[in-house]
Amino acid sequence: MVFQFNGTLDKFLGDGLLAIYGAPVPDENHAYHAVQAGLNMIEHMEEYNKQRVSWGEEPIYLGIGINSGNTLVGNIGSGQRTEYTVIGDTVNTASRLEGLAGENELLISAATYEEVRGLVECIPLGDYIVKNRVEPVTVYKVIGVSHG
């Protein structure tokens, strides 16, 4: 689903993944595409969970965090090993949002909200103190795409 919405799969991280939108190919709608991908992942997981429950298995849940802002993107490393990746506070904050997310919940920062305002429906959740941030992060829960 990352690729379906013009994203780049950076890496798998344990039970998660890191995707980049807007690089290496510029995309004016990168934030919206990231949110669309997240909503699509949750929708597919909810359908898959119906099957799992019918098989007598426990459901699996996603928690997704999306942030927008300046990052360092490119081939990062040393002469012995380089990797195309993204680093910076923006990435760390997205990870913190993911950590705050509940079951099948998509959380975005105020920076992302400003990029997608009017395109998606959100519920403001308030300000949260997150690890390694001096200032609180304003968090929104995405509940769907706007239809109007």
Protein backbone atom coordinates (compact mmCIF):
# COMPACT_ATOMS: atom_id res chain seq x y z
CA MET A 1 0.00 0.00 0.00
CA VAL A 2 2.99 2.27 0.46
CA PHE A 3 3.75 2.04 -3.27
CA GLN A 4 0.11 2.44 -4.29
CA PHE A 5 0.18 5.96 -2.85
CA ASN A 6 3.59 7.03 -4.24
CA GLY A 7 5.58 6.15 -1.13
CA THR A 8 9.03 4.65 -0.74
CA LEU A 9 9.48 1.76 1.68
CA ASP A 10 12.55 2.73 3.70
CA LYS A 11 12.82 -0.27 6.02
CA PHE A 12 11.10 -2.80 8.21
CA LEU A 13 11.52 -2.17 11.94
CA GLY A 14 10.63 -5.21 14.02
CA ASP A 15 6.86 -5.34 13.75
CA GLY A 16 6.65 -2.04 11.86
CA LEU A 17 7.89 -0.18 8.84
CA LEU A 18 9.17 3.24 7.86
CA ALA A 19 7.85 4.77 4.65
CA ILE A 20 8.86 8.04 3.00
CA TYR A 21 6.53 10.25 0.95
CA GLY A 22 7.85 13.06 -1.23
CA ALA A 23 11.32 11.55 -1.76
CA PRO A 24 13.15 10.51 -3.81
CA VAL A 25 10.41 11.58 -6.22
CA PRO A 26 8.94 14.99 -5.30
CA ASP A 27 5.21 14.89 -4.54
CA GLU A 28 3.23 18.02 -3.67
CA ASN A 29 0.58 15.83 -2.05
CA HIS A 30 3.00 13.72 0.01
CA ALA A 31 1.15 14.20 3.31
CA TYR A 32 -2.22 13.30 1.81
CA HIS A 33 -0.76 10.25 0.11
CA ALA A 34 0.81 9.10 3.39
CA VAL A 35 -2.54 9.46 5.17
CA GLN A 36 -4.35 7.63 2.35
CA ALA A 37 -1.86 4.76 2.61
CA GLY A 38 -2.33 4.59 6.38
CA LEU A 39 -6.11 4.54 6.13
CA ASN A 40 -5.87 1.87 3.44
CA MET A 41 -3.62 -0.29 5.63
CA ILE A 42 -6.09 -0.05 8.51
CA GLU A 43 -9.04 -0.87 6.24
CA HIS A 44 -7.26 -3.96 4.89
CA MET A 45 -6.25 -5.07 8.39
CA GLU A 46 -9.85 -4.78 9.58
CA GLU A 47 -10.97 -7.02 6.68
CA TYR A 48 -8.16 -9.49 7.39
CA ASN A 49 -9.14 -9.57 11.07
CA LYS A 50 -12.65 -10.69 10.13
CA GLN A 51 -11.04 -13.74 8.50
CA ARG A 52 -8.74 -14.31 11.47
CA VAL A 53 -11.66 -14.27 13.90
CA SER A 54 -13.60 -16.73 11.69
CA TRP A 55 -10.53 -19.04 11.90
CA GLY A 56 -10.55 -18.75 15.70
CA GLU A 57 -7.47 -16.51 15.72
CA GLU A 58 -6.93 -13.27 17.61
CA PRO A 59 -7.09 -10.02 15.61
CA ILE A 60 -3.93 -8.09 14.75
CA TYR A 61 -3.94 -4.31 15.13
CA LEU A 62 -2.02 -1.45 13.54
CA GLY A 63 -0.92 1.82 15.09
CA ILE A 64 0.25 4.44 12.58
CA GLY A 65 2.00 7.76 13.15
CA ILE A 66 2.60 10.36 10.44
CA ASN A 67 4.57 13.58 10.72
CA SER A 68 5.62 16.15 8.12
CA GLY A 69 8.62 18.41 8.07
CA ASN A 70 12.25 18.81 7.12
CA THR A 71 14.41 15.70 7.11
CA LEU A 72 17.73 14.50 5.78
CA VAL A 73 17.00 12.04 2.98
CA GLY A 74 19.53 10.24 0.85
CA ASN A 75 22.38 7.77 0.90
CA ILE A 76 23.59 7.98 4.47
CA GLY A 77 26.50 6.13 6.00
CA SER A 78 30.20 5.65 5.46
CA GLY A 79 32.47 4.26 2.78
CA GLN A 80 31.89 0.71 3.97
CA ARG A 81 28.11 0.92 4.17
CA THR A 82 25.55 3.41 2.92
CA GLU A 83 21.80 3.16 2.92
CA TYR A 84 19.07 5.26 1.33
CA THR A 85 17.08 6.42 4.34
CA VAL A 86 15.55 9.38 6.14
CA ILE A 87 16.68 10.79 9.48
CA GLY A 88 15.84 13.71 11.75
CA ASP A 89 13.46 14.96 14.41
CA THR A 90 10.51 14.70 12.01
CA VAL A 91 11.09 10.94 11.71
CA ASN A 92 11.51 10.53 15.47
CA THR A 93 8.26 12.39 16.11
CA ALA A 94 6.40 10.14 13.65
CA SER A 95 7.71 7.17 15.62
CA ARG A 96 6.46 8.72 18.87
CA LEU A 97 3.02 9.25 17.31
CA GLU A 98 2.98 5.60 16.28
CA GLY A 99 3.73 4.71 19.88
CA LEU A 100 0.73 6.75 21.05
CA ALA A 101 -1.65 5.20 18.51
CA GLY A 102 -4.26 2.74 19.71
CA GLU A 103 -5.64 -0.29 17.91
CA ASN A 104 -6.11 0.46 14.20
CA GLU A 105 -5.58 4.15 14.88
CA LEU A 106 -3.86 6.69 12.62
CA LEU A 107 -2.38 9.71 14.39
CA ILE A 108 -0.90 12.75 12.69
CA SER A 109 0.96 15.81 13.91
CA ALA A 110 -0.19 19.42 13.52
CA ALA A 111 2.32 19.80 10.67
CA THR A 112 0.67 16.97 8.75
CA TYR A 113 -2.79 18.21 9.69
CA GLU A 114 -2.00 21.58 8.07
CA GLU A 115 -1.04 19.74 4.86
CA VAL A 116 -4.24 17.65 4.73
CA ARG A 117 -6.79 20.02 6.29
CA GLY A 118 -10.04 19.79 4.35
CA LEU A 119 -8.99 16.55 2.67
CA VAL A 120 -9.39 14.25 5.67
CA GLU A 121 -11.61 14.20 8.74
CA CYS A 122 -9.77 14.43 12.05
CA ILE A 123 -10.46 14.61 15.74
CA PRO A 124 -8.07 16.84 17.72
CA LEU A 125 -6.62 14.89 20.65
CA GLY A 126 -4.62 17.71 22.21
CA ASP A 127 -0.98 18.20 23.09
CA TYR A 128 1.27 15.35 24.18
CA ILE A 129 4.72 15.34 25.70
CA VAL A 130 6.85 12.81 23.81
CA LYS A 131 10.35 11.51 24.38
CA ASN A 132 13.23 13.75 23.23
CA ARG A 133 10.96 16.73 22.48
CA VAL A 134 11.00 19.94 24.53
CA GLU A 135 7.74 21.23 23.06
CA PRO A 136 4.52 19.19 23.19
CA VAL A 137 3.25 17.64 19.96
CA THR A 138 -0.30 18.48 18.89
CA VAL A 139 -1.97 15.24 17.84
CA TYR A 140 -4.96 14.51 15.59
CA LYS A 141 -6.72 11.19 15.02
CA VAL A 142 -7.64 10.63 11.37
CA ILE A 143 -11.07 9.08 11.00
CA GLY A 144 -11.47 9.16 7.22
CA VAL A 145 -11.23 11.01 3.94
CA SER A 146 -13.47 14.07 3.53
CA HIS A 147 -16.36 13.64 1.11
CA GLY A 148 -17.34 17.17 0.42
